[in-house]
Amino acid sequence: MIIDDIANYIIDNGISLVLGTNFFKGYLPDDPDACVAIFDTGGAEPDKDLPTGDPTFQILVRGSSYATAHALMQSIATLLHQKRNLTIESTYYYFIYLMGEPGSIGRDSKNRDEFSVNFHCKIRR
């Protein structure tokens, strides 16, 4: 699954997150205050003639400090954007690109800052 690959890639490449503690796949729990979540978000229609897929995914970052959450979001975006021709786990990625700039989505009900960014990738099926 794409979010498994990307979560492992983020952890393996210097972003200090721990799955199940402050990094979550497919959901964003109410605690801890500072955490990251990754979600599958569908994707574009796959090519009818080639064995490729065009999935998308979203990263959410939450924190009690705007500056800290923003910096973490930027670190993740920089790590993933413009990756080309790499294999993560058993999936070959032709590319991973930002779909737009990371941005604030405001504060949650507990006054914690939240940021979001979406990515598009092309994979070999």
PDB file of N, CA and C in Angstrom:
ATOM      1  N   MET A   1       0.844  -1.172   0.000  1.00  0.00           N
ATOM      2  CA  MET A   1       0.000   0.000   0.000  1.00  0.00           C
ATOM      3  C   MET A   1       0.893   1.240   0.000  1.00  0.00           C
ATOM      4  N   ILE A   2       0.480   2.246  -0.746  1.00  0.00           N
ATOM      5  CA  ILE A   2       1.272   3.457  -0.921  1.00  0.00           C
ATOM      6  C   ILE A   2       1.607   4.110   0.419  1.00  0.00           C
ATOM      7  N   ILE A   3       0.627   4.258   1.303  1.00  0.00           N
ATOM      8  CA  ILE A   3       0.923   4.970   2.553  1.00  0.00           C
ATOM      9  C   ILE A   3       1.909   4.198   3.424  1.00  0.00           C
ATOM     10  N   ASP A   4       1.940   2.872   3.303  1.00  0.00           N
ATOM     11  CA  ASP A   4       2.958   2.100   4.027  1.00  0.00           C
ATOM     12  C   ASP A   4       4.345   2.442   3.491  1.00  0.00           C
ATOM     13  N   ASP A   5       4.466   2.430   2.154  1.00  0.00           N
ATOM     14  CA  ASP A   5       5.752   2.758   1.521  1.00  0.00           C
ATOM     15  C   ASP A   5       6.228   4.147   1.931  1.00  0.00           C
ATOM     16  N   ILE A   6       5.351   5.128   1.787  1.00  0.00           N
ATOM     17  CA  ILE A   6       5.747   6.517   2.042  1.00  0.00           C
ATOM     18  C   ILE A   6       6.064   6.726   3.523  1.00  0.00           C
ATOM     19  N   ALA A   7       5.276   6.144   4.407  1.00  0.00           N
ATOM     20  CA  ALA A   7       5.555   6.265   5.850  1.00  0.00           C
ATOM     21  C   ALA A   7       6.938   5.707   6.166  1.00  0.00           C
ATOM     22  N   ASN A   8       7.257   4.539   5.624  1.00  0.00           N
ATOM     23  CA  ASN A   8       8.582   3.955   5.858  1.00  0.00           C
ATOM     24  C   ASN A   8       9.690   4.821   5.271  1.00  0.00           C
ATOM     25  N   TYR A   9       9.452   5.370   4.086  1.00  0.00           N
ATOM     26  CA  TYR A   9      10.455   6.229   3.450  1.00  0.00           C
ATOM     27  C   TYR A   9      10.725   7.466   4.298  1.00  0.00           C
ATOM     28  N   ILE A  10       9.681   8.076   4.825  1.00  0.00           N
ATOM     29  CA  ILE A  10       9.845   9.266   5.671  1.00  0.00           C
ATOM     30  C   ILE A  10      10.688   8.924   6.898  1.00  0.00           C
ATOM     31  N   ILE A  11      10.359   7.839   7.569  1.00  0.00           N
ATOM     32  CA  ILE A  11      11.083   7.435   8.773  1.00  0.00           C
ATOM     33  C   ILE A  11      12.527   7.061   8.453  1.00  0.00           C
ATOM     34  N   ASP A  12      12.723   6.347   7.351  1.00  0.00           N
ATOM     35  CA  ASP A  12      14.066   5.883   6.982  1.00  0.00           C
ATOM     36  C   ASP A  12      14.985   6.992   6.482  1.00  0.00           C
ATOM     37  N   ASN A  13      14.419   8.169   6.233  1.00  0.00           N
ATOM     38  CA  ASN A  13      15.215   9.251   5.648  1.00  0.00           C
ATOM     39  C   ASN A  13      15.296  10.489   6.533  1.00  0.00           C
ATOM     40  N   GLY A  14      15.372  10.267   7.830  1.00  0.00           N
ATOM     41  CA  GLY A  14      15.764  11.337   8.730  1.00  0.00           C
ATOM     42  C   GLY A  14      14.678  12.152   9.398  1.00  0.00           C
ATOM     43  N   ILE A  15      13.403  11.879   9.119  1.00  0.00           N
ATOM     44  CA  ILE A  15      12.340  12.593   9.822  1.00  0.00           C
ATOM     45  C   ILE A  15      12.069  11.808  11.105  1.00  0.00           C
ATOM     46  N   SER A  16      12.246  12.437  12.239  1.00  0.00           N
ATOM     47  CA  SER A  16      12.151  11.756  13.544  1.00  0.00           C
ATOM     48  C   SER A  16      10.706  11.525  13.959  1.00  0.00           C
ATOM     49  N   LEU A  17      10.116  10.481  13.396  1.00  0.00           N
ATOM     50  CA  LEU A  17       8.748  10.094  13.726  1.00  0.00           C
ATOM     51  C   LEU A  17       8.727   8.615  14.064  1.00  0.00           C
ATOM     52  N   VAL A  18       7.761   8.216  14.883  1.00  0.00           N
ATOM     53  CA  VAL A  18       7.616   6.815  15.288  1.00  0.00           C
ATOM     54  C   VAL A  18       6.186   6.380  14.986  1.00  0.00           C
ATOM     55  N   LEU A  19       6.037   5.361  14.119  1.00  0.00           N
ATOM     56  CA  LEU A  19       4.707   4.866  13.787  1.00  0.00           C
ATOM     57  C   LEU A  19       3.966   4.432  15.045  1.00  0.00           C
ATOM     58  N   GLY A  20       2.725   4.862  15.143  1.00  0.00           N
ATOM     59  CA  GLY A  20       1.891   4.501  16.273  1.00  0.00           C
ATOM     60  C   GLY A  20       2.084   5.373  17.500  1.00  0.00           C
ATOM     61  N   THR A  21       3.117   6.213  17.493  1.00  0.00           N
ATOM     62  CA  THR A  21       3.376   7.113  18.619  1.00  0.00           C
ATOM     63  C   THR A  21       3.085   8.556  18.237  1.00  0.00           C
ATOM     64  N   ASN A  22       3.755   9.034  17.164  1.00  0.00           N
ATOM     65  CA  ASN A  22       3.492  10.389  16.677  1.00  0.00           C
ATOM     66  C   ASN A  22       3.351  10.428  15.155  1.00  0.00           C
ATOM     67  N   PHE A  23       3.199   9.253  14.550  1.00  0.00           N
ATOM     68  CA  PHE A  23       3.015   9.123  13.103  1.00  0.00           C
ATOM     69  C   PHE A  23       1.974   8.036  12.882  1.00  0.00           C
ATOM     70  N   PHE A  24       0.921   8.376  12.117  1.00  0.00           N
ATOM     71  CA  PHE A  24      -0.214   7.472  11.981  1.00  0.00           C
ATOM     72  C   PHE A  24      -0.608   7.323  10.517  1.00  0.00           C
ATOM     73  N   LYS A  25      -1.047   6.124  10.160  1.00  0.00           N
ATOM     74  CA  LYS A  25      -1.474   5.825   8.797  1.00  0.00           C
ATOM     75  C   LYS A  25      -2.987   5.668   8.757  1.00  0.00           C
ATOM     76  N   GLY A  26      -3.649   6.537   7.989  1.00  0.00           N
ATOM     77  CA  GLY A  26      -5.071   6.416   7.760  1.00  0.00           C
ATOM     78  C   GLY A  26      -5.970   7.055   8.801  1.00  0.00           C
ATOM     79  N   TYR A  27      -5.392   7.635   9.827  1.00  0.00           N
ATOM     80  CA  TYR A  27      -6.198   8.338  10.829  1.00  0.00           C
ATOM     81  C   TYR A  27      -5.327   9.319  11.601  1.00  0.00           C
ATOM     82  N   LEU A  28      -5.986  10.285  12.228  1.00  0.00           N
ATOM     83  CA  LEU A  28      -5.306  11.272  13.060  1.00  0.00           C
ATOM     84  C   LEU A  28      -5.967  11.233  14.433  1.00  0.00           C
ATOM     85  N   PRO A  29      -5.318  10.631  15.422  1.00  0.00           N
ATOM     86  CA  PRO A  29      -5.937  10.537  16.746  1.00  0.00           C
ATOM     87  C   PRO A  29      -5.962  11.896  17.453  1.00  0.00           C
ATOM     88  N   ASP A  30      -6.742  11.979  18.493  1.00  0.00           N
ATOM     89  CA  ASP A  30      -6.850  13.222  19.258  1.00  0.00           C
ATOM     90  C   ASP A  30      -5.566  13.534  20.027  1.00  0.00           C
ATOM     91  N   ASP A  31      -4.826  12.532  20.405  1.00  0.00           N
ATOM     92  CA  ASP A  31      -3.541  12.692  21.094  1.00  0.00           C
ATOM     93  C   ASP A  31      -2.476  11.914  20.344  1.00  0.00           C
ATOM     94  N   PRO A  32      -1.253  12.351  20.319  1.00  0.00           N
ATOM     95  CA  PRO A  32      -0.652  13.490  21.008  1.00  0.00           C
ATOM     96  C   PRO A  32      -0.926  14.810  20.281  1.00  0.00           C
ATOM     97  N   ASP A  33      -0.568  15.905  20.941  1.00  0.00           N
ATOM     98  CA  ASP A  33      -0.767  17.220  20.331  1.00  0.00           C
ATOM     99  C   ASP A  33       0.047  17.364  19.052  1.00  0.00           C
ATOM    100  N   ALA A  34       1.305  16.940  19.093  1.00  0.00           N
ATOM    101  CA  ALA A  34       2.194  17.051  17.930  1.00  0.00           C
ATOM    102  C   ALA A  34       2.284  15.696  17.255  1.00  0.00           C
ATOM    103  N   CYS A  35       1.772  15.618  16.023  1.00  0.00           N
ATOM    104  CA  CYS A  35       1.824  14.349  15.301  1.00  0.00           C
ATOM    105  C   CYS A  35       1.635  14.574  13.808  1.00  0.00           C
ATOM    106  N   VAL A  36       1.827  13.487  13.069  1.00  0.00           N
ATOM    107  CA  VAL A  36       1.711  13.485  11.615  1.00  0.00           C
ATOM    108  C   VAL A  36       0.823  12.309  11.226  1.00  0.00           C
ATOM    109  N   ALA A  37       0.028  12.491  10.188  1.00  0.00           N
ATOM    110  CA  ALA A  37      -0.785  11.400   9.649  1.00  0.00           C
ATOM    111  C   ALA A  37      -0.661  11.390   8.136  1.00  0.00           C
ATOM    112  N   ILE A  38      -0.749  10.208   7.565  1.00  0.00           N
ATOM    113  CA  ILE A  38      -0.724  10.044   6.110  1.00  0.00           C
ATOM    114  C   ILE A  38      -1.998   9.314   5.692  1.00  0.00           C
ATOM    115  N   PHE A  39      -2.604   9.792   4.596  1.00  0.00           N
ATOM    116  CA  PHE A  39      -3.872   9.246   4.119  1.00  0.00           C
ATOM    117  C   PHE A  39      -3.791   8.938   2.629  1.00  0.00           C
ATOM    118  N   ASP A  40      -4.388   7.817   2.209  1.00  0.00           N
ATOM    119  CA  ASP A  40      -4.627   7.566   0.786  1.00  0.00           C
ATOM    120  C   ASP A  40      -5.730   8.510   0.347  1.00  0.00           C
ATOM    121  N   THR A  41      -5.583   9.131  -0.817  1.00  0.00           N
ATOM    122  CA  THR A  41      -6.610  10.053  -1.294  1.00  0.00           C
ATOM    123  C   THR A  41      -7.062   9.741  -2.714  1.00  0.00           C
ATOM    124  N   GLY A  42      -6.964   8.490  -3.097  1.00  0.00           N
ATOM    125  CA  GLY A  42      -7.423   8.111  -4.428  1.00  0.00           C
ATOM    126  C   GLY A  42      -6.345   8.336  -5.463  1.00  0.00           C
ATOM    127  N   GLY A  43      -6.688   9.034  -6.515  1.00  0.00           N
ATOM    128  CA  GLY A  43      -5.714   9.305  -7.553  1.00  0.00           C
ATOM    129  C   GLY A  43      -6.376   9.539  -8.893  1.00  0.00           C
ATOM    130  N   ALA A  44      -5.530   9.666  -9.899  1.00  0.00           N
ATOM    131  CA  ALA A  44      -6.007   9.882 -11.262  1.00  0.00           C
ATOM    132  C   ALA A  44      -6.334   8.539 -11.905  1.00  0.00           C
ATOM    133  N   GLU A  45      -7.064   8.613 -12.993  1.00  0.00           N
ATOM    134  CA  GLU A  45      -7.399   7.398 -13.736  1.00  0.00           C
ATOM    135  C   GLU A  45      -6.110   6.747 -14.234  1.00  0.00           C
ATOM    136  N   PRO A  46      -5.956   5.440 -13.995  1.00  0.00           N
ATOM    137  CA  PRO A  46      -4.738   4.780 -14.470  1.00  0.00           C
ATOM    138  C   PRO A  46      -4.712   4.684 -15.996  1.00  0.00           C
ATOM    139  N   ASP A  47      -3.530   4.578 -16.541  1.00  0.00           N
ATOM    140  CA  ASP A  47      -3.359   4.413 -17.977  1.00  0.00           C
ATOM    141  C   ASP A  47      -4.009   3.101 -18.406  1.00  0.00           C
ATOM    142  N   LYS A  48      -4.768   3.136 -19.485  1.00  0.00           N
ATOM    143  CA  LYS A  48      -5.462   1.935 -19.952  1.00  0.00           C
ATOM    144  C   LYS A  48      -4.533   0.980 -20.693  1.00  0.00           C
ATOM    145  N   ASP A  49      -3.401   1.494 -21.165  1.00  0.00           N
ATOM    146  CA  ASP A  49      -2.512   0.684 -21.982  1.00  0.00           C
ATOM    147  C   ASP A  49      -1.209   0.301 -21.295  1.00  0.00           C
ATOM    148  N   LEU A  50      -0.869   0.986 -20.215  1.00  0.00           N
ATOM    149  CA  LEU A  50       0.392   0.715 -19.540  1.00  0.00           C
ATOM    150  C   LEU A  50       0.138   0.241 -18.107  1.00  0.00           C
ATOM    151  N   PRO A  51       1.006  -0.601 -17.590  1.00  0.00           N
ATOM    152  CA  PRO A  51       0.826  -1.091 -16.220  1.00  0.00           C
ATOM    153  C   PRO A  51       1.326  -0.083 -15.183  1.00  0.00           C
ATOM    154  N   THR A  52       0.652   1.065 -15.129  1.00  0.00           N
ATOM    155  CA  THR A  52       1.031   2.116 -14.184  1.00  0.00           C
ATOM    156  C   THR A  52      -0.196   2.543 -13.386  1.00  0.00           C
ATOM    157  N   GLY A  53       0.058   3.225 -12.283  1.00  0.00           N
ATOM    158  CA  GLY A  53      -0.995   3.800 -11.468  1.00  0.00           C
ATOM    159  C   GLY A  53      -0.630   5.223 -11.124  1.00  0.00           C
ATOM    160  N   ASP A  54      -1.626   6.017 -10.792  1.00  0.00           N
ATOM    161  CA  ASP A  54      -1.425   7.427 -10.452  1.00  0.00           C
ATOM    162  C   ASP A  54      -2.072   7.746  -9.108  1.00  0.00           C
ATOM    163  N   PRO A  55      -1.594   7.127  -8.029  1.00  0.00           N
ATOM    164  CA  PRO A  55      -2.204   7.389  -6.720  1.00  0.00           C
ATOM    165  C   PRO A  55      -1.802   8.745  -6.154  1.00  0.00           C
ATOM    166  N   THR A  56      -2.612   9.212  -5.220  1.00  0.00           N
ATOM    167  CA  THR A  56      -2.330  10.442  -4.484  1.00  0.00           C
ATOM    168  C   THR A  56      -2.391  10.131  -2.995  1.00  0.00           C
ATOM    169  N   PHE A  57      -1.718  10.963  -2.230  1.00  0.00           N
ATOM    170  CA  PHE A  57      -1.778  10.818  -0.786  1.00  0.00           C
ATOM    171  C   PHE A  57      -1.647  12.193  -0.146  1.00  0.00           C
ATOM    172  N   GLN A  58      -2.068  12.264   1.112  1.00  0.00           N
ATOM    173  CA  GLN A  58      -2.052  13.525   1.851  1.00  0.00           C
ATOM    174  C   GLN A  58      -1.282  13.332   3.156  1.00  0.00           C
ATOM    175  N   ILE A  59      -0.525  14.353   3.514  1.00  0.00           N
ATOM    176  CA  ILE A  59       0.163  14.398   4.805  1.00  0.00           C
ATOM    177  C   ILE A  59      -0.478  15.521   5.628  1.00  0.00           C
ATOM    178  N   LEU A  60      -0.842  15.209   6.857  1.00  0.00           N
ATOM    179  CA  LEU A  60      -1.315  16.208   7.811  1.00  0.00           C
ATOM    180  C   LEU A  60      -0.322  16.297   8.953  1.00  0.00           C
ATOM    181  N   VAL A  61       0.004  17.511   9.345  1.00  0.00           N
ATOM    182  CA  VAL A  61       0.881  17.755  10.491  1.00  0.00           C
ATOM    183  C   VAL A  61       0.112  18.611  11.483  1.00  0.00           C
ATOM    184  N   ARG A  62       0.171  18.222  12.746  1.00  0.00           N
ATOM    185  CA  ARG A  62      -0.495  18.979  13.797  1.00  0.00           C
ATOM    186  C   ARG A  62       0.506  19.267  14.906  1.00  0.00           C
ATOM    187  N   GLY A  63       0.399  20.456  15.501  1.00  0.00           N
ATOM    188  CA  GLY A  63       1.289  20.790  16.603  1.00  0.00           C
ATOM    189  C   GLY A  63       0.767  21.952  17.423  1.00  0.00           C
ATOM    190  N   SER A  64       1.266  22.063  18.635  1.00  0.00           N
ATOM    191  CA  SER A  64       0.857  23.159  19.510  1.00  0.00           C
ATOM    192  C   SER A  64       1.628  24.439  19.206  1.00  0.00           C
ATOM    193  N   SER A  65       2.680  24.336  18.394  1.00  0.00           N
ATOM    194  CA  SER A  65       3.456  25.501  17.958  1.00  0.00           C
ATOM    195  C   SER A  65       3.353  25.625  16.440  1.00  0.00           C
ATOM    196  N   TYR A  66       2.878  26.769  15.973  1.00  0.00           N
ATOM    197  CA  TYR A  66       2.761  27.011  14.535  1.00  0.00           C
ATOM    198  C   TYR A  66       4.113  26.812  13.849  1.00  0.00           C
ATOM    199  N   ALA A  67       5.152  27.421  14.396  1.00  0.00           N
ATOM    200  CA  ALA A  67       6.479  27.378  13.768  1.00  0.00           C
ATOM    201  C   ALA A  67       7.023  25.951  13.699  1.00  0.00           C
ATOM    202  N   THR A  68       6.852  25.189  14.761  1.00  0.00           N
ATOM    203  CA  THR A  68       7.366  23.820  14.788  1.00  0.00           C
ATOM    204  C   THR A  68       6.607  22.926  13.812  1.00  0.00           C
ATOM    205  N   ALA A  69       5.277  23.027  13.806  1.00  0.00           N
ATOM    206  CA  ALA A  69       4.472  22.224  12.891  1.00  0.00           C
ATOM    207  C   ALA A  69       4.775  22.603  11.436  1.00  0.00           C
ATOM    208  N   HIS A  70       4.913  23.896  11.175  1.00  0.00           N
ATOM    209  CA  HIS A  70       5.232  24.364   9.828  1.00  0.00           C
ATOM    210  C   HIS A  70       6.585  23.829   9.375  1.00  0.00           C
ATOM    211  N   ALA A  71       7.575  23.877  10.248  1.00  0.00           N
ATOM    212  CA  ALA A  71       8.914  23.385   9.901  1.00  0.00           C
ATOM    213  C   ALA A  71       8.895  21.893   9.610  1.00  0.00           C
ATOM    214  N   LEU A  72       8.144  21.122  10.387  1.00  0.00           N
ATOM    215  CA  LEU A  72       8.045  19.681  10.142  1.00  0.00           C
ATOM    216  C   LEU A  72       7.370  19.416   8.801  1.00  0.00           C
ATOM    217  N   MET A  73       6.308  20.146   8.511  1.00  0.00           N
ATOM    218  CA  MET A  73       5.631  19.985   7.222  1.00  0.00           C
ATOM    219  C   MET A  73       6.577  20.296   6.069  1.00  0.00           C
ATOM    220  N   GLN A  74       7.349  21.360   6.191  1.00  0.00           N
ATOM    221  CA  GLN A  74       8.296  21.722   5.134  1.00  0.00           C
ATOM    222  C   GLN A  74       9.369  20.646   4.965  1.00  0.00           C
ATOM    223  N   SER A  75       9.833  20.073   6.066  1.00  0.00           N
ATOM    224  CA  SER A  75      10.841  19.007   5.989  1.00  0.00           C
ATOM    225  C   SER A  75      10.301  17.796   5.241  1.00  0.00           C
ATOM    226  N   ILE A  76       9.077  17.419   5.522  1.00  0.00           N
ATOM    227  CA  ILE A  76       8.465  16.273   4.836  1.00  0.00           C
ATOM    228  C   ILE A  76       8.255  16.590   3.362  1.00  0.00           C
ATOM    229  N   ALA A  77       7.751  17.780   3.062  1.00  0.00           N
ATOM    230  CA  ALA A  77       7.528  18.171   1.663  1.00  0.00           C
ATOM    231  C   ALA A  77       8.831  18.182   0.880  1.00  0.00           C
ATOM    232  N   THR A  78       9.885  18.720   1.471  1.00  0.00           N
ATOM    233  CA  THR A  78      11.190  18.765   0.809  1.00  0.00           C
ATOM    234  C   THR A  78      11.739  17.360   0.581  1.00  0.00           C
ATOM    235  N   LEU A  79      11.561  16.481   1.549  1.00  0.00           N
ATOM    236  CA  LEU A  79      12.035  15.105   1.414  1.00  0.00           C
ATOM    237  C   LEU A  79      11.347  14.385   0.258  1.00  0.00           C
ATOM    238  N   LEU A  80      10.050  14.562   0.107  1.00  0.00           N
ATOM    239  CA  LEU A  80       9.289  13.771  -0.870  1.00  0.00           C
ATOM    240  C   LEU A  80       9.193  14.387  -2.260  1.00  0.00           C
ATOM    241  N   HIS A  81       9.208  15.703  -2.366  1.00  0.00           N
ATOM    242  CA  HIS A  81       8.976  16.355  -3.658  1.00  0.00           C
ATOM    243  C   HIS A  81      10.109  16.080  -4.646  1.00  0.00           C
ATOM    244  N   GLN A  82       9.718  15.823  -5.882  1.00  0.00           N
ATOM    245  CA  GLN A  82      10.617  15.596  -7.014  1.00  0.00           C
ATOM    246  C   GLN A  82      11.487  14.353  -6.868  1.00  0.00           C
ATOM    247  N   LYS A  83      10.979  13.369  -6.178  1.00  0.00           N
ATOM    248  CA  LYS A  83      11.682  12.087  -6.159  1.00  0.00           C
ATOM    249  C   LYS A  83      11.353  11.380  -7.461  1.00  0.00           C
ATOM    250  N   ARG A  84      12.365  10.788  -8.071  1.00  0.00           N
ATOM    251  CA  ARG A  84      12.173  10.119  -9.354  1.00  0.00           C
ATOM    252  C   ARG A  84      12.918   8.789  -9.357  1.00  0.00           C
ATOM    253  N   ASN A  85      12.316   7.828 -10.034  1.00  0.00           N
ATOM    254  CA  ASN A  85      12.961   6.539 -10.303  1.00  0.00           C
ATOM    255  C   ASN A  85      13.544   5.899  -9.048  1.00  0.00           C
ATOM    256  N   LEU A  86      12.669   5.608  -8.107  1.00  0.00           N
ATOM    257  CA  LEU A  86      13.134   4.928  -6.911  1.00  0.00           C
ATOM    258  C   LEU A  86      12.175   3.826  -6.536  1.00  0.00           C
ATOM    259  N   THR A  87      12.714   2.837  -5.868  1.00  0.00           N
ATOM    260  CA  THR A  87      11.916   1.730  -5.373  1.00  0.00           C
ATOM    261  C   THR A  87      11.816   1.869  -3.866  1.00  0.00           C
ATOM    262  N   ILE A  88      10.580   1.841  -3.374  1.00  0.00           N
ATOM    263  CA  ILE A  88      10.326   1.863  -1.935  1.00  0.00           C
ATOM    264  C   ILE A  88       9.584   0.574  -1.635  1.00  0.00           C
ATOM    265  N   GLU A  89      10.158  -0.209  -0.722  1.00  0.00           N
ATOM    266  CA  GLU A  89       9.637  -1.553  -0.464  1.00  0.00           C
ATOM    267  C   GLU A  89       9.665  -2.281  -1.803  1.00  0.00           C
ATOM    268  N   SER A  90       8.532  -2.744  -2.312  1.00  0.00           N
ATOM    269  CA  SER A  90       8.550  -3.463  -3.589  1.00  0.00           C
ATOM    270  C   SER A  90       7.886  -2.667  -4.710  1.00  0.00           C
ATOM    271  N   THR A  91       7.599  -1.392  -4.478  1.00  0.00           N
ATOM    272  CA  THR A  91       6.925  -0.567  -5.481  1.00  0.00           C
ATOM    273  C   THR A  91       7.917   0.367  -6.153  1.00  0.00           C
ATOM    274  N   TYR A  92       7.875   0.378  -7.493  1.00  0.00           N
ATOM    275  CA  TYR A  92       8.713   1.294  -8.266  1.00  0.00           C
ATOM    276  C   TYR A  92       7.930   2.593  -8.488  1.00  0.00           C
ATOM    277  N   TYR A  93       8.553   3.706  -8.112  1.00  0.00           N
ATOM    278  CA  TYR A  93       7.963   5.035  -8.262  1.00  0.00           C
ATOM    279  C   TYR A  93       8.668   5.763  -9.398  1.00  0.00           C
ATOM    280  N   TYR A  94       7.923   6.077 -10.454  1.00  0.00           N
ATOM    281  CA  TYR A  94       8.482   6.896 -11.520  1.00  0.00           C
ATOM    282  C   TYR A  94       8.732   8.305 -10.994  1.00  0.00           C
ATOM    283  N   PHE A  95       7.778   8.810 -10.190  1.00  0.00           N
ATOM    284  CA  PHE A  95       7.969  10.114  -9.573  1.00  0.00           C
ATOM    285  C   PHE A  95       7.015  10.283  -8.396  1.00  0.00           C
ATOM    286  N   ILE A  96       7.387  11.239  -7.527  1.00  0.00           N
ATOM    287  CA  ILE A  96       6.520  11.741  -6.457  1.00  0.00           C
ATOM    288  C   ILE A  96       6.636  13.264  -6.521  1.00  0.00           C
ATOM    289  N   TYR A  97       5.485  13.950  -6.646  1.00  0.00           N
ATOM    290  CA  TYR A  97       5.478  15.410  -6.762  1.00  0.00           C
ATOM    291  C   TYR A  97       4.428  16.029  -5.839  1.00  0.00           C
ATOM    292  N   LEU A  98       4.730  17.217  -5.360  1.00  0.00           N
ATOM    293  CA  LEU A  98       3.727  18.022  -4.663  1.00  0.00           C
ATOM    294  C   LEU A  98       2.603  18.372  -5.630  1.00  0.00           C
ATOM    295  N   MET A  99       1.381  18.363  -5.146  1.00  0.00           N
ATOM    296  CA  MET A  99       0.250  18.814  -5.958  1.00  0.00           C
ATOM    297  C   MET A  99      -0.024  20.300  -5.730  1.00  0.00           C
ATOM    298  N   GLY A 100       0.603  20.859  -4.734  1.00  0.00           N
ATOM    299  CA  GLY A 100       0.485  22.269  -4.383  1.00  0.00           C
ATOM    300  C   GLY A 100       1.385  22.523  -3.196  1.00  0.00           C
ATOM    301  N   GLU A 101       1.541  23.752  -2.847  1.00  0.00           N
ATOM    302  CA  GLU A 101       2.387  24.079  -1.709  1.00  0.00           C
ATOM    303  C   GLU A 101       1.725  23.655  -0.400  1.00  0.00           C
ATOM    304  N   PRO A 102       2.527  23.229   0.580  1.00  0.00           N
ATOM    305  CA  PRO A 102       1.965  22.934   1.899  1.00  0.00           C
ATOM    306  C   PRO A 102       1.334  24.190   2.485  1.00  0.00           C
ATOM    307  N   GLY A 103       0.253  24.003   3.238  1.00  0.00           N
ATOM    308  CA  GLY A 103      -0.390  25.177   3.808  1.00  0.00           C
ATOM    309  C   GLY A 103      -1.126  24.892   5.095  1.00  0.00           C
ATOM    310  N   SER A 104      -1.370  25.947   5.811  1.00  0.00           N
ATOM    311  CA  SER A 104      -2.124  25.869   7.050  1.00  0.00           C
ATOM    312  C   SER A 104      -3.589  25.603   6.725  1.00  0.00           C
ATOM    313  N   ILE A 105      -4.212  24.737   7.510  1.00  0.00           N
ATOM    314  CA  ILE A 105      -5.658  24.532   7.382  1.00  0.00           C
ATOM    315  C   ILE A 105      -6.359  25.045   8.641  1.00  0.00           C
ATOM    316  N   GLY A 106      -5.611  25.835   9.422  1.00  0.00           N
ATOM    317  CA  GLY A 106      -6.190  26.458  10.605  1.00  0.00           C
ATOM    318  C   GLY A 106      -5.869  25.693  11.878  1.00  0.00           C
ATOM    319  N   ARG A 107      -6.707  25.926  12.870  1.00  0.00           N
ATOM    320  CA  ARG A 107      -6.528  25.279  14.172  1.00  0.00           C
ATOM    321  C   ARG A 107      -7.694  24.334  14.429  1.00  0.00           C
ATOM    322  N   ASP A 108      -7.390  23.261  15.148  1.00  0.00           N
ATOM    323  CA  ASP A 108      -8.445  22.322  15.503  1.00  0.00           C
ATOM    324  C   ASP A 108      -9.193  22.792  16.750  1.00  0.00           C
ATOM    325  N   SER A 109     -10.086  21.956  17.250  1.00  0.00           N
ATOM    326  CA  SER A 109     -10.924  22.343  18.394  1.00  0.00           C
ATOM    327  C   SER A 109     -10.131  22.523  19.682  1.00  0.00           C
ATOM    328  N   LYS A 110      -8.892  22.024  19.704  1.00  0.00           N
ATOM    329  CA  LYS A 110      -8.031  22.192  20.881  1.00  0.00           C
ATOM    330  C   LYS A 110      -6.977  23.275  20.662  1.00  0.00           C
ATOM    331  N   ASN A 111      -7.190  24.095  19.628  1.00  0.00           N
ATOM    332  CA  ASN A 111      -6.324  25.234  19.329  1.00  0.00           C
ATOM    333  C   ASN A 111      -4.918  24.825  18.875  1.00  0.00           C
ATOM    334  N   ARG A 112      -4.803  23.666  18.251  1.00  0.00           N
ATOM    335  CA  ARG A 112      -3.523  23.194  17.726  1.00  0.00           C
ATOM    336  C   ARG A 112      -3.463  23.513  16.237  1.00  0.00           C
ATOM    337  N   ASP A 113      -2.312  23.957  15.780  1.00  0.00           N
ATOM    338  CA  ASP A 113      -2.144  24.314  14.371  1.00  0.00           C
ATOM    339  C   ASP A 113      -2.058  23.059  13.518  1.00  0.00           C
ATOM    340  N   GLU A 114      -2.701  23.116  12.339  1.00  0.00           N
ATOM    341  CA  GLU A 114      -2.685  21.984  11.413  1.00  0.00           C
ATOM    342  C   GLU A 114      -2.251  22.454  10.024  1.00  0.00           C
ATOM    343  N   PHE A 115      -1.471  21.603   9.383  1.00  0.00           N
ATOM    344  CA  PHE A 115      -0.973  21.853   8.030  1.00  0.00           C
ATOM    345  C   PHE A 115      -1.265  20.636   7.170  1.00  0.00           C
ATOM    346  N   SER A 116      -1.417  20.871   5.884  1.00  0.00           N
ATOM    347  CA  SER A 116      -1.733  19.799   4.957  1.00  0.00           C
ATOM    348  C   SER A 116      -0.947  19.981   3.661  1.00  0.00           C
ATOM    349  N   VAL A 117      -0.623  18.852   3.049  1.00  0.00           N
ATOM    350  CA  VAL A 117      -0.014  18.869   1.725  1.00  0.00           C
ATOM    351  C   VAL A 117      -0.409  17.583   1.005  1.00  0.00           C
ATOM    352  N   ASN A 118      -0.600  17.688  -0.312  1.00  0.00           N
ATOM    353  CA  ASN A 118      -0.991  16.539  -1.127  1.00  0.00           C
ATOM    354  C   ASN A 118       0.083  16.236  -2.166  1.00  0.00           C
ATOM    355  N   PHE A 119       0.228  14.945  -2.451  1.00  0.00           N
ATOM    356  CA  PHE A 119       1.229  14.471  -3.400  1.00  0.00           C
ATOM    357  C   PHE A 119       0.585  13.583  -4.447  1.00  0.00           C
ATOM    358  N   HIS A 120       1.166  13.599  -5.631  1.00  0.00           N
ATOM    359  CA  HIS A 120       0.798  12.711  -6.723  1.00  0.00           C
ATOM    360  C   HIS A 120       2.020  11.864  -7.060  1.00  0.00           C
ATOM    361  N   CYS A 121       1.804  10.601  -7.318  1.00  0.00           N
ATOM    362  CA  CYS A 121       2.927   9.769  -7.756  1.00  0.00           C
ATOM    363  C   CYS A 121       2.481   8.873  -8.893  1.00  0.00           C
ATOM    364  N   LYS A 122       3.435   8.434  -9.663  1.00  0.00           N
ATOM    365  CA  LYS A 122       3.198   7.449 -10.709  1.00  0.00           C
ATOM    366  C   LYS A 122       3.991   6.222 -10.338  1.00  0.00           C
ATOM    367  N   ILE A 123       3.297   5.078 -10.316  1.00  0.00           N
ATOM    368  CA  ILE A 123       3.931   3.834  -9.909  1.00  0.00           C
ATOM    369  C   ILE A 123       3.804   2.781 -10.997  1.00  0.00           C
ATOM    370  N   ARG A 124       4.672   1.811 -10.948  1.00  0.00           N
ATOM    371  CA  ARG A 124       4.583   0.643 -11.825  1.00  0.00           C
ATOM    372  C   ARG A 124       3.705  -0.389 -11.123  1.00  0.00           C
ATOM    373  N   ARG A 125       2.760  -0.931 -11.849  1.00  0.00           N
ATOM    374  CA  ARG A 125       1.882  -1.984 -11.284  1.00  0.00           C
ATOM    375  C   ARG A 125       2.380  -3.350 -11.693  1.00  0.00           C
TER     376      ARG A 125
END
